[in-house]
Amino acid sequence: MKATADSIGGRRVANREAIEARLVDAMERLIDSGRGFAAVSVAALAREAGIARSTFYFYFRDRGMLLRRLLQRVADEIIEATGVWLALPEATDRRALDDAFLGALTVYDRHRAVMTAAIETATHDASVRAALDDMMARLIERVRHAIVRLRETGRAHPDADPELAEVLTWSSLYTTHEMLGQGGADRVAVLSGHLAHITWRAVFADGGNR
């Protein structure tokens, strides 16, 4: 029986997704092993992923494009980990906000080597800076939407302008980058609690009382 165009297209999509996943995992493993982003060559990525170098270029223009995909995956995990805070902000109480930040920092800690490499390399590599900016734009937009929903439902602090989303998101990233260190779960819990406290006070009208 001849394959249909849809079935062929479906196999191509599945194959692309599988190759992308292998390359993303390969980049994370290489960075986790102690290599800086600049030291992770396309040849090393292809070798680690078990594919030909030409296959890499079939799916990705360069390493920056692959890093953008990896940071998209980190952002997906962070958004999922924040639970009700970014999904249904008007129903968020202080405990849910604590859980959201704990989840987000747990994800960050899991990908700490990649995030450290991205933040440090972004200062002098335009492609890495673009990938980091794309990731942060997604997170900022979700936080901005949360603040708007809180304003619409009367639960926002009177000074919580939607632009506060950018301040909170970038400051949370760099605070985590500078202060998380190697402290493990205990450090994650302490730091996430501080960030949740700041957000609760800055964003919610009933900050500290609900």
N, C-alpha and C. Protein backbone atom coordinates (compact mmCIF):
# COMPACT_ATOMS: atom_id res chain seq x y z
N MET A 1 0.85 -1.20 0.00
CA MET A 1 0.00 0.00 0.00
C MET A 1 0.88 1.24 0.00
N LYS A 2 0.55 2.19 -0.88
CA LYS A 2 1.38 3.38 -0.99
C LYS A 2 1.14 4.29 0.21
N ALA A 3 2.23 4.87 0.67
CA ALA A 3 2.12 5.80 1.78
C ALA A 3 1.43 7.08 1.32
N THR A 4 0.58 7.62 2.16
CA THR A 4 -0.08 8.88 1.84
C THR A 4 0.83 10.04 2.16
N ALA A 5 0.49 11.20 1.58
CA ALA A 5 1.28 12.41 1.86
C ALA A 5 1.25 12.74 3.34
N ASP A 6 0.07 12.52 3.97
CA ASP A 6 -0.05 12.82 5.39
C ASP A 6 0.85 11.92 6.23
N SER A 7 0.90 10.61 5.88
CA SER A 7 1.72 9.70 6.67
C SER A 7 3.20 10.01 6.50
N ILE A 8 3.59 10.38 5.25
CA ILE A 8 4.99 10.75 5.01
C ILE A 8 5.33 12.02 5.78
N GLY A 9 4.42 12.98 5.72
CA GLY A 9 4.63 14.22 6.45
C GLY A 9 4.73 13.99 7.95
N GLY A 10 3.90 13.07 8.45
CA GLY A 10 3.93 12.77 9.87
C GLY A 10 5.24 12.15 10.30
N ARG A 11 5.78 11.26 9.44
CA ARG A 11 7.07 10.64 9.75
C ARG A 11 8.19 11.67 9.74
N ARG A 12 8.11 12.62 8.81
CA ARG A 12 9.14 13.66 8.74
C ARG A 12 9.12 14.53 9.99
N VAL A 13 7.94 14.89 10.42
CA VAL A 13 7.82 15.69 11.65
C VAL A 13 8.36 14.93 12.84
N ALA A 14 7.99 13.65 12.95
CA ALA A 14 8.46 12.83 14.07
C ALA A 14 9.97 12.69 14.04
N ASN A 15 10.52 12.50 12.82
CA ASN A 15 11.97 12.36 12.69
C ASN A 15 12.67 13.66 13.08
N ARG A 16 12.12 14.78 12.63
CA ARG A 16 12.70 16.08 12.98
C ARG A 16 12.69 16.28 14.49
N GLU A 17 11.56 15.97 15.12
CA GLU A 17 11.45 16.15 16.57
C GLU A 17 12.44 15.25 17.30
N ALA A 18 12.63 14.02 16.81
CA ALA A 18 13.57 13.09 17.45
C ALA A 18 15.01 13.60 17.34
N ILE A 19 15.38 14.10 16.15
CA ILE A 19 16.73 14.62 15.95
C ILE A 19 16.95 15.86 16.81
N GLU A 20 15.96 16.76 16.83
CA GLU A 20 16.07 17.96 17.65
C GLU A 20 16.26 17.59 19.12
N ALA A 21 15.49 16.62 19.59
CA ALA A 21 15.59 16.21 20.99
C ALA A 21 16.97 15.64 21.29
N ARG A 22 17.52 14.85 20.37
CA ARG A 22 18.86 14.28 20.58
C ARG A 22 19.92 15.38 20.63
N LEU A 23 19.78 16.38 19.76
CA LEU A 23 20.77 17.46 19.74
C LEU A 23 20.65 18.35 20.96
N VAL A 24 19.42 18.64 21.37
CA VAL A 24 19.21 19.45 22.58
C VAL A 24 19.80 18.73 23.79
N ASP A 25 19.52 17.44 23.91
CA ASP A 25 20.07 16.66 25.03
C ASP A 25 21.60 16.61 24.97
N ALA A 26 22.14 16.50 23.74
CA ALA A 26 23.59 16.46 23.58
C ALA A 26 24.23 17.76 24.03
N MET A 27 23.62 18.89 23.65
CA MET A 27 24.17 20.18 24.07
C MET A 27 24.15 20.31 25.59
N GLU A 28 23.06 19.90 26.21
CA GLU A 28 22.97 20.01 27.67
C GLU A 28 24.01 19.11 28.34
N ARG A 29 24.21 17.91 27.83
CA ARG A 29 25.21 17.02 28.42
C ARG A 29 26.62 17.60 28.30
N LEU A 30 26.93 18.16 27.14
CA LEU A 30 28.26 18.72 26.93
C LEU A 30 28.51 19.93 27.83
N ILE A 31 27.50 20.77 27.99
CA ILE A 31 27.65 21.93 28.88
C ILE A 31 27.72 21.46 30.34
N ASP A 32 26.91 20.47 30.69
CA ASP A 32 26.94 19.93 32.05
C ASP A 32 28.32 19.35 32.38
N SER A 33 29.03 18.87 31.37
CA SER A 33 30.34 18.26 31.60
C SER A 33 31.41 19.30 31.88
N GLY A 34 31.05 20.58 31.79
CA GLY A 34 32.01 21.63 32.12
C GLY A 34 32.47 22.47 30.95
N ARG A 35 32.00 22.18 29.75
CA ARG A 35 32.38 22.98 28.60
C ARG A 35 31.56 24.26 28.55
N GLY A 36 32.20 25.36 28.22
CA GLY A 36 31.47 26.58 27.95
C GLY A 36 30.80 26.47 26.59
N PHE A 37 29.81 27.34 26.35
CA PHE A 37 29.08 27.28 25.09
C PHE A 37 30.02 27.43 23.89
N ALA A 38 31.01 28.32 24.01
CA ALA A 38 31.93 28.55 22.90
C ALA A 38 32.75 27.31 22.57
N ALA A 39 32.95 26.43 23.56
CA ALA A 39 33.76 25.22 23.34
C ALA A 39 32.96 24.05 22.79
N VAL A 40 31.64 24.21 22.70
CA VAL A 40 30.79 23.14 22.18
C VAL A 40 30.64 23.33 20.67
N SER A 41 31.42 22.61 19.91
CA SER A 41 31.40 22.74 18.44
C SER A 41 30.26 21.93 17.83
N VAL A 42 29.95 22.25 16.59
CA VAL A 42 28.94 21.47 15.87
C VAL A 42 29.39 20.02 15.73
N ALA A 43 30.68 19.82 15.49
CA ALA A 43 31.20 18.46 15.36
C ALA A 43 31.01 17.69 16.65
N ALA A 44 31.26 18.34 17.79
CA ALA A 44 31.09 17.68 19.08
C ALA A 44 29.62 17.37 19.35
N LEU A 45 28.75 18.29 18.98
CA LEU A 45 27.32 18.08 19.16
C LEU A 45 26.84 16.88 18.33
N ALA A 46 27.26 16.85 17.07
CA ALA A 46 26.84 15.75 16.19
C ALA A 46 27.36 14.41 16.73
N ARG A 47 28.60 14.42 17.17
CA ARG A 47 29.18 13.18 17.70
C ARG A 47 28.44 12.73 18.95
N GLU A 48 28.15 13.66 19.85
CA GLU A 48 27.45 13.33 21.09
C GLU A 48 26.03 12.84 20.82
N ALA A 49 25.39 13.41 19.79
CA ALA A 49 24.01 13.03 19.46
C ALA A 49 23.95 11.78 18.59
N GLY A 50 25.11 11.33 18.07
CA GLY A 50 25.13 10.14 17.23
C GLY A 50 24.58 10.37 15.84
N ILE A 51 24.82 11.58 15.30
CA ILE A 51 24.35 11.89 13.96
C ILE A 51 25.51 12.45 13.14
N ALA A 52 25.30 12.58 11.84
CA ALA A 52 26.32 13.18 10.98
C ALA A 52 26.30 14.70 11.14
N ARG A 53 27.45 15.33 10.93
CA ARG A 53 27.53 16.79 11.01
C ARG A 53 26.58 17.44 10.01
N SER A 54 26.44 16.84 8.83
CA SER A 54 25.55 17.38 7.81
C SER A 54 24.09 17.35 8.28
N THR A 55 23.75 16.35 9.11
CA THR A 55 22.39 16.26 9.64
C THR A 55 22.09 17.42 10.56
N PHE A 56 23.09 17.82 11.33
CA PHE A 56 22.90 19.00 12.20
C PHE A 56 22.46 20.19 11.36
N TYR A 57 23.19 20.45 10.28
CA TYR A 57 22.90 21.63 9.47
C TYR A 57 21.61 21.49 8.66
N PHE A 58 21.12 20.30 8.54
CA PHE A 58 19.82 20.12 7.89
C PHE A 58 18.71 20.68 8.77
N TYR A 59 18.88 20.58 10.10
CA TYR A 59 17.84 21.01 11.03
C TYR A 59 18.13 22.36 11.69
N PHE A 60 19.40 22.72 11.82
CA PHE A 60 19.75 23.95 12.52
C PHE A 60 20.77 24.75 11.72
N ARG A 61 20.56 26.06 11.70
CA ARG A 61 21.47 26.94 10.99
C ARG A 61 22.83 27.01 11.69
N ASP A 62 22.79 27.07 13.03
CA ASP A 62 24.03 27.17 13.81
C ASP A 62 23.74 26.77 15.25
N ARG A 63 24.77 26.85 16.11
CA ARG A 63 24.60 26.46 17.50
C ARG A 63 23.65 27.39 18.24
N GLY A 64 23.61 28.65 17.83
CA GLY A 64 22.70 29.60 18.47
C GLY A 64 21.25 29.21 18.30
N MET A 65 20.92 28.69 17.13
CA MET A 65 19.56 28.24 16.87
C MET A 65 19.22 27.04 17.75
N LEU A 66 20.19 26.16 17.94
CA LEU A 66 19.97 25.00 18.81
C LEU A 66 19.82 25.44 20.27
N LEU A 67 20.64 26.40 20.69
CA LEU A 67 20.51 26.90 22.07
C LEU A 67 19.15 27.54 22.28
N ARG A 68 18.66 28.24 21.26
CA ARG A 68 17.31 28.85 21.36
C ARG A 68 16.27 27.76 21.62
N ARG A 69 16.41 26.64 20.92
CA ARG A 69 15.47 25.54 21.13
C ARG A 69 15.59 24.96 22.54
N LEU A 70 16.81 24.85 23.04
CA LEU A 70 17.02 24.34 24.39
C LEU A 70 16.41 25.28 25.42
N LEU A 71 16.60 26.58 25.25
CA LEU A 71 16.03 27.54 26.20
C LEU A 71 14.51 27.58 26.10
N GLN A 72 13.98 27.32 24.91
CA GLN A 72 12.52 27.20 24.79
C GLN A 72 12.02 26.05 25.64
N ARG A 73 12.76 24.94 25.65
CA ARG A 73 12.36 23.80 26.46
C ARG A 73 12.44 24.13 27.94
N VAL A 74 13.48 24.86 28.35
CA VAL A 74 13.58 25.27 29.75
C VAL A 74 12.40 26.17 30.12
N ALA A 75 12.06 27.11 29.24
CA ALA A 75 10.92 28.00 29.49
C ALA A 75 9.63 27.20 29.61
N ASP A 76 9.43 26.21 28.74
CA ASP A 76 8.24 25.35 28.82
C ASP A 76 8.15 24.69 30.19
N GLU A 77 9.28 24.19 30.67
CA GLU A 77 9.30 23.50 31.96
C GLU A 77 9.02 24.48 33.10
N ILE A 78 9.57 25.68 33.02
CA ILE A 78 9.33 26.68 34.06
C ILE A 78 7.86 27.05 34.11
N ILE A 79 7.28 27.32 32.94
CA ILE A 79 5.87 27.71 32.89
C ILE A 79 4.99 26.60 33.46
N GLU A 80 5.27 25.37 33.09
CA GLU A 80 4.49 24.25 33.61
C GLU A 80 4.66 24.13 35.13
N ALA A 81 5.89 24.36 35.62
CA ALA A 81 6.17 24.21 37.05
C ALA A 81 5.51 25.28 37.90
N THR A 82 5.19 26.44 37.31
CA THR A 82 4.59 27.52 38.10
C THR A 82 3.12 27.27 38.41
N GLY A 83 2.54 26.27 37.77
CA GLY A 83 1.17 25.88 38.11
C GLY A 83 0.17 27.00 38.02
N VAL A 84 -0.60 27.18 39.09
CA VAL A 84 -1.73 28.10 39.08
C VAL A 84 -1.29 29.55 38.93
N TRP A 85 -0.09 29.92 39.36
CA TRP A 85 0.35 31.32 39.32
C TRP A 85 0.28 31.90 37.91
N LEU A 86 0.77 31.18 36.92
CA LEU A 86 0.71 31.69 35.56
C LEU A 86 -0.47 31.14 34.76
N ALA A 87 -1.08 30.06 35.23
CA ALA A 87 -2.23 29.48 34.53
C ALA A 87 -3.55 30.13 34.95
N LEU A 88 -3.69 30.43 36.24
CA LEU A 88 -4.92 31.00 36.77
C LEU A 88 -4.57 31.95 37.92
N PRO A 89 -3.94 33.07 37.59
CA PRO A 89 -3.39 33.96 38.63
C PRO A 89 -4.41 34.48 39.63
N GLU A 90 -5.65 34.69 39.18
CA GLU A 90 -6.66 35.24 40.10
C GLU A 90 -7.02 34.26 41.20
N ALA A 91 -6.68 32.99 41.03
CA ALA A 91 -6.96 31.98 42.05
C ALA A 91 -5.74 31.67 42.91
N THR A 92 -4.68 32.44 42.73
CA THR A 92 -3.41 32.16 43.42
C THR A 92 -3.40 32.75 44.82
N ASP A 93 -3.09 31.91 45.81
CA ASP A 93 -2.86 32.41 47.16
C ASP A 93 -1.36 32.31 47.46
N ARG A 94 -0.98 32.71 48.67
CA ARG A 94 0.45 32.77 48.97
C ARG A 94 1.10 31.39 48.89
N ARG A 95 0.41 30.36 49.34
CA ARG A 95 1.00 29.03 49.28
C ARG A 95 1.22 28.60 47.84
N ALA A 96 0.25 28.89 46.97
CA ALA A 96 0.40 28.53 45.56
C ALA A 96 1.55 29.30 44.93
N LEU A 97 1.74 30.56 45.34
CA LEU A 97 2.85 31.34 44.81
C LEU A 97 4.18 30.78 45.29
N ASP A 98 4.24 30.38 46.55
CA ASP A 98 5.46 29.72 47.06
C ASP A 98 5.77 28.47 46.24
N ASP A 99 4.74 27.67 45.98
CA ASP A 99 4.92 26.44 45.20
C ASP A 99 5.40 26.76 43.79
N ALA A 100 4.87 27.85 43.21
CA ALA A 100 5.23 28.23 41.85
C ALA A 100 6.71 28.58 41.76
N PHE A 101 7.19 29.38 42.71
CA PHE A 101 8.60 29.76 42.67
C PHE A 101 9.51 28.58 43.02
N LEU A 102 9.06 27.73 43.91
CA LEU A 102 9.84 26.53 44.21
C LEU A 102 9.97 25.66 42.96
N GLY A 103 8.86 25.51 42.24
CA GLY A 103 8.90 24.73 41.01
C GLY A 103 9.80 25.34 39.96
N ALA A 104 9.70 26.67 39.79
CA ALA A 104 10.51 27.36 38.78
C ALA A 104 12.00 27.25 39.09
N LEU A 105 12.36 27.44 40.37
CA LEU A 105 13.78 27.37 40.72
C LEU A 105 14.31 25.95 40.70
N THR A 106 13.44 24.99 40.95
CA THR A 106 13.86 23.59 40.82
C THR A 106 14.21 23.27 39.37
N VAL A 107 13.40 23.79 38.44
CA VAL A 107 13.71 23.62 37.02
C VAL A 107 15.03 24.32 36.68
N TYR A 108 15.19 25.55 37.17
CA TYR A 108 16.43 26.29 36.90
C TYR A 108 17.63 25.51 37.43
N ASP A 109 17.51 24.98 38.63
CA ASP A 109 18.61 24.24 39.24
C ASP A 109 18.97 23.01 38.40
N ARG A 110 17.95 22.37 37.85
CA ARG A 110 18.17 21.19 37.01
C ARG A 110 18.95 21.55 35.75
N HIS A 111 18.73 22.77 35.24
CA HIS A 111 19.38 23.23 34.02
C HIS A 111 20.41 24.32 34.31
N ARG A 112 20.95 24.32 35.52
CA ARG A 112 21.81 25.42 35.95
C ARG A 112 23.02 25.60 35.04
N ALA A 113 23.66 24.52 34.62
CA ALA A 113 24.85 24.65 33.78
C ALA A 113 24.52 25.35 32.47
N VAL A 114 23.40 24.98 31.86
CA VAL A 114 22.99 25.60 30.60
C VAL A 114 22.65 27.07 30.81
N MET A 115 21.90 27.36 31.86
CA MET A 115 21.51 28.75 32.12
C MET A 115 22.73 29.61 32.43
N THR A 116 23.67 29.08 33.19
CA THR A 116 24.89 29.83 33.49
C THR A 116 25.67 30.11 32.21
N ALA A 117 25.80 29.09 31.36
CA ALA A 117 26.51 29.28 30.10
C ALA A 117 25.81 30.32 29.23
N ALA A 118 24.48 30.28 29.18
CA ALA A 118 23.73 31.22 28.35
C ALA A 118 23.88 32.65 28.87
N ILE A 119 23.73 32.85 30.17
CA ILE A 119 23.82 34.20 30.74
C ILE A 119 25.21 34.78 30.57
N GLU A 120 26.24 33.98 30.81
CA GLU A 120 27.60 34.48 30.72
C GLU A 120 28.04 34.69 29.28
N THR A 121 27.58 33.85 28.37
CA THR A 121 27.98 33.97 26.96
C THR A 121 27.19 35.08 26.26
N ALA A 122 25.99 35.39 26.75
CA ALA A 122 25.14 36.39 26.11
C ALA A 122 25.79 37.77 26.08
N THR A 123 26.73 38.03 26.97
CA THR A 123 27.37 39.35 27.01
C THR A 123 28.25 39.62 25.78
N HIS A 124 28.66 38.56 25.08
CA HIS A 124 29.55 38.78 23.94
C HIS A 124 29.18 37.94 22.70
N ASP A 125 28.06 37.24 22.75
CA ASP A 125 27.63 36.43 21.61
C ASP A 125 26.18 36.80 21.28
N ALA A 126 25.99 37.44 20.12
CA ALA A 126 24.66 37.95 19.76
C ALA A 126 23.63 36.84 19.61
N SER A 127 24.03 35.69 19.09
CA SER A 127 23.06 34.61 18.89
C SER A 127 22.59 34.05 20.23
N VAL A 128 23.50 33.96 21.20
CA VAL A 128 23.12 33.50 22.53
C VAL A 128 22.24 34.54 23.22
N ARG A 129 22.59 35.80 23.06
CA ARG A 129 21.77 36.88 23.63
C ARG A 129 20.35 36.83 23.07
N ALA A 130 20.23 36.59 21.77
CA ALA A 130 18.90 36.51 21.15
C ALA A 130 18.12 35.33 21.71
N ALA A 131 18.79 34.19 21.92
CA ALA A 131 18.11 33.01 22.47
C ALA A 131 17.64 33.28 23.89
N LEU A 132 18.49 33.92 24.70
CA LEU A 132 18.10 34.24 26.07
C LEU A 132 16.96 35.25 26.10
N ASP A 133 17.04 36.25 25.23
CA ASP A 133 15.97 37.25 25.16
C ASP A 133 14.64 36.63 24.75
N ASP A 134 14.68 35.67 23.81
CA ASP A 134 13.45 34.99 23.40
C ASP A 134 12.81 34.25 24.58
N MET A 135 13.65 33.55 25.33
CA MET A 135 13.15 32.82 26.50
C MET A 135 12.52 33.78 27.50
N MET A 136 13.24 34.87 27.80
CA MET A 136 12.74 35.81 28.80
C MET A 136 11.48 36.52 28.33
N ALA A 137 11.39 36.80 27.04
CA ALA A 137 10.18 37.45 26.51
C ALA A 137 8.95 36.59 26.75
N ARG A 138 9.09 35.27 26.57
CA ARG A 138 7.96 34.37 26.83
C ARG A 138 7.55 34.42 28.30
N LEU A 139 8.53 34.36 29.19
CA LEU A 139 8.21 34.37 30.62
C LEU A 139 7.64 35.71 31.04
N ILE A 140 8.20 36.80 30.53
CA ILE A 140 7.69 38.13 30.87
C ILE A 140 6.24 38.28 30.42
N GLU A 141 5.94 37.79 29.22
CA GLU A 141 4.57 37.90 28.71
C GLU A 141 3.59 37.14 29.60
N ARG A 142 4.00 35.98 30.10
CA ARG A 142 3.12 35.22 30.98
C ARG A 142 2.90 35.95 32.30
N VAL A 143 3.95 36.54 32.85
CA VAL A 143 3.81 37.28 34.11
C VAL A 143 2.98 38.55 33.88
N ARG A 144 3.20 39.21 32.75
CA ARG A 144 2.41 40.40 32.43
C ARG A 144 0.92 40.04 32.35
N HIS A 145 0.63 38.93 31.69
CA HIS A 145 -0.77 38.48 31.60
C HIS A 145 -1.34 38.21 32.98
N ALA A 146 -0.53 37.63 33.86
CA ALA A 146 -0.99 37.35 35.22
C ALA A 146 -1.34 38.64 35.95
N ILE A 147 -0.51 39.65 35.81
CA ILE A 147 -0.78 40.94 36.48
C ILE A 147 -2.04 41.58 35.92
N VAL A 148 -2.21 41.51 34.61
CA VAL A 148 -3.43 42.05 33.99
C VAL A 148 -4.66 41.35 34.54
N ARG A 149 -4.61 40.02 34.66
CA ARG A 149 -5.75 39.28 35.20
C ARG A 149 -6.03 39.67 36.65
N LEU A 150 -4.99 39.88 37.42
CA LEU A 150 -5.19 40.30 38.81
C LEU A 150 -5.81 41.70 38.88
N ARG A 151 -5.41 42.57 37.98
CA ARG A 151 -6.01 43.91 37.94
C ARG A 151 -7.48 43.83 37.55
N GLU A 152 -7.79 42.97 36.59
CA GLU A 152 -9.18 42.83 36.13
C GLU A 152 -10.08 42.26 37.20
N THR A 153 -9.52 41.41 38.05
CA THR A 153 -10.32 40.76 39.10
C THR A 153 -10.20 41.44 40.46
N GLY A 154 -9.53 42.59 40.50
CA GLY A 154 -9.43 43.35 41.73
C GLY A 154 -8.46 42.81 42.76
N ARG A 155 -7.58 41.93 42.35
CA ARG A 155 -6.65 41.33 43.31
C ARG A 155 -5.23 41.89 43.18
N ALA A 156 -5.03 42.85 42.30
CA ALA A 156 -3.69 43.39 42.10
C ALA A 156 -3.40 44.53 43.07
N HIS A 157 -2.16 44.62 43.49
CA HIS A 157 -1.71 45.78 44.26
C HIS A 157 -1.92 47.02 43.39
N PRO A 158 -2.34 48.17 43.98
CA PRO A 158 -2.62 49.35 43.16
C PRO A 158 -1.43 49.85 42.36
N ASP A 159 -0.22 49.54 42.80
CA ASP A 159 0.98 49.97 42.07
C ASP A 159 1.52 48.90 41.12
N ALA A 160 0.79 47.80 40.97
CA ALA A 160 1.27 46.70 40.13
C ALA A 160 0.91 46.95 38.67
N ASP A 161 1.73 47.73 38.00
CA ASP A 161 1.58 47.98 36.57
C ASP A 161 2.06 46.75 35.80
N PRO A 162 1.45 46.47 34.65
CA PRO A 162 1.92 45.31 33.86
C PRO A 162 3.41 45.33 33.54
N GLU A 163 4.00 46.54 33.43
CA GLU A 163 5.43 46.61 33.14
C GLU A 163 6.28 46.08 34.28
N LEU A 164 5.67 45.93 35.45
CA LEU A 164 6.38 45.32 36.57
C LEU A 164 6.82 43.90 36.23
N ALA A 165 6.12 43.27 35.29
CA ALA A 165 6.47 41.90 34.89
C ALA A 165 7.91 41.80 34.42
N GLU A 166 8.37 42.79 33.66
CA GLU A 166 9.73 42.75 33.14
C GLU A 166 10.75 42.87 34.27
N VAL A 167 10.46 43.77 35.21
CA VAL A 167 11.37 43.96 36.35
C VAL A 167 11.46 42.69 37.18
N LEU A 168 10.32 42.11 37.50
CA LEU A 168 10.31 40.92 38.34
C LEU A 168 10.97 39.73 37.67
N THR A 169 10.73 39.55 36.37
CA THR A 169 11.25 38.37 35.68
C THR A 169 12.76 38.45 35.51
N TRP A 170 13.26 39.60 35.05
CA TRP A 170 14.71 39.73 34.90
C TRP A 170 15.43 39.71 36.24
N SER A 171 14.86 40.38 37.25
CA SER A 171 15.53 40.38 38.56
C SER A 171 15.53 38.99 39.17
N SER A 172 14.46 38.21 38.95
CA SER A 172 14.43 36.84 39.45
C SER A 172 15.50 35.99 38.78
N LEU A 173 15.67 36.18 37.46
CA LEU A 173 16.69 35.41 36.74
C LEU A 173 18.09 35.70 37.29
N TYR A 174 18.44 36.98 37.39
CA TYR A 174 19.80 37.31 37.80
C TYR A 174 20.04 37.06 39.28
N THR A 175 19.00 37.22 40.09
CA THR A 175 19.14 36.85 41.51
C THR A 175 19.42 35.36 41.64
N THR A 176 18.66 34.56 40.89
CA THR A 176 18.87 33.11 40.92
C THR A 176 20.26 32.75 40.40
N HIS A 177 20.66 33.38 39.32
CA HIS A 177 21.97 33.11 38.74
C HIS A 177 23.10 33.41 39.72
N GLU A 178 22.99 34.53 40.43
CA GLU A 178 24.06 34.96 41.33
C GLU A 178 24.03 34.24 42.68
N MET A 179 22.86 33.85 43.14
CA MET A 179 22.74 33.41 44.53
C MET A 179 22.42 31.93 44.73
N LEU A 180 22.02 31.22 43.67
CA LEU A 180 21.61 29.84 43.87
C LEU A 180 22.78 28.95 44.27
N GLY A 181 23.89 29.08 43.55
CA GLY A 181 25.09 28.33 43.91
C GLY A 181 24.87 26.82 43.86
N GLN A 182 25.59 26.12 44.73
CA GLN A 182 25.55 24.66 44.76
C GLN A 182 24.83 24.15 46.01
N GLY A 183 23.90 24.93 46.52
CA GLY A 183 23.28 24.60 47.80
C GLY A 183 22.25 23.50 47.78
N GLY A 184 21.87 23.03 46.59
CA GLY A 184 20.91 21.95 46.50
C GLY A 184 19.50 22.36 46.85
N ALA A 185 18.68 21.39 47.26
CA ALA A 185 17.26 21.62 47.49
C ALA A 185 17.01 22.64 48.59
N ASP A 186 17.83 22.64 49.63
CA ASP A 186 17.64 23.60 50.72
C ASP A 186 17.82 25.03 50.23
N ARG A 187 18.85 25.26 49.42
CA ARG A 187 19.09 26.61 48.90
C ARG A 187 17.98 27.01 47.94
N VAL A 188 17.52 26.09 47.13
CA VAL A 188 16.41 26.36 46.22
C VAL A 188 15.18 26.80 47.01
N ALA A 189 14.88 26.11 48.10
CA ALA A 189 13.71 26.43 48.90
C ALA A 189 13.82 27.81 49.53
N VAL A 190 14.98 28.15 50.07
CA VAL A 190 15.17 29.45 50.71
C VAL A 190 15.04 30.58 49.70
N LEU A 191 15.75 30.46 48.59
CA LEU A 191 15.76 31.53 47.59
C LEU A 191 14.40 31.68 46.92
N SER A 192 13.74 30.57 46.63
CA SER A 192 12.41 30.66 46.01
C SER A 192 11.42 31.32 46.96
N GLY A 193 11.57 31.06 48.27
CA GLY A 193 10.70 31.72 49.24
C GLY A 193 10.89 33.22 49.26
N HIS A 194 12.13 33.68 49.15
CA HIS A 194 12.39 35.13 49.10
C HIS A 194 11.76 35.76 47.86
N LEU A 195 11.92 35.11 46.72
CA LEU A 195 11.37 35.66 45.48
C LEU A 195 9.84 35.65 45.49
N ALA A 196 9.25 34.61 46.07
CA ALA A 196 7.79 34.57 46.20
C ALA A 196 7.30 35.70 47.10
N HIS A 197 8.03 35.95 48.19
CA HIS A 197 7.66 37.03 49.12
C HIS A 197 7.68 38.38 48.41
N ILE A 198 8.73 38.65 47.65
CA ILE A 198 8.83 39.92 46.92
C ILE A 198 7.68 40.06 45.93
N THR A 199 7.39 39.01 45.20
CA THR A 199 6.31 39.05 44.20
C THR A 199 4.96 39.22 44.87
N TRP A 200 4.74 38.53 45.98
CA TRP A 200 3.48 38.63 46.71
C TRP A 200 3.23 40.06 47.15
N ARG A 201 4.25 40.68 47.73
CA ARG A 201 4.12 42.05 48.22
C ARG A 201 3.95 43.06 47.09
N ALA A 202 4.64 42.82 45.97
CA ALA A 202 4.63 43.79 44.87
C ALA A 202 3.41 43.68 43.98
N VAL A 203 2.85 42.48 43.86
CA VAL A 203 1.83 42.25 42.84
C VAL A 203 0.41 42.11 43.41
N PHE A 204 0.29 41.51 44.58
CA PHE A 204 -1.05 41.18 45.10
C PHE A 204 -1.55 42.25 46.08
N ALA A 205 -2.83 42.62 45.92
CA ALA A 205 -3.43 43.62 46.82
C ALA A 205 -3.46 43.12 48.25
N ASP A 206 -3.67 41.82 48.43
CA ASP A 206 -3.76 41.24 49.76
C ASP A 206 -2.43 40.59 50.17
N GLY A 207 -1.33 41.11 49.64
CA GLY A 207 -0.02 40.54 49.91
C GLY A 207 0.23 40.31 51.39
N GLY A 208 0.48 39.06 51.74
CA GLY A 208 0.77 38.71 53.10
C GLY A 208 -0.43 38.38 53.97
N ASN A 209 -1.65 38.62 53.45
CA ASN A 209 -2.84 38.41 54.29
C ASN A 209 -3.70 37.24 53.86
N ARG A 210 -3.49 36.75 52.65
CA ARG A 210 -4.37 35.68 52.14
C ARG A 210 -3.74 34.32 52.33
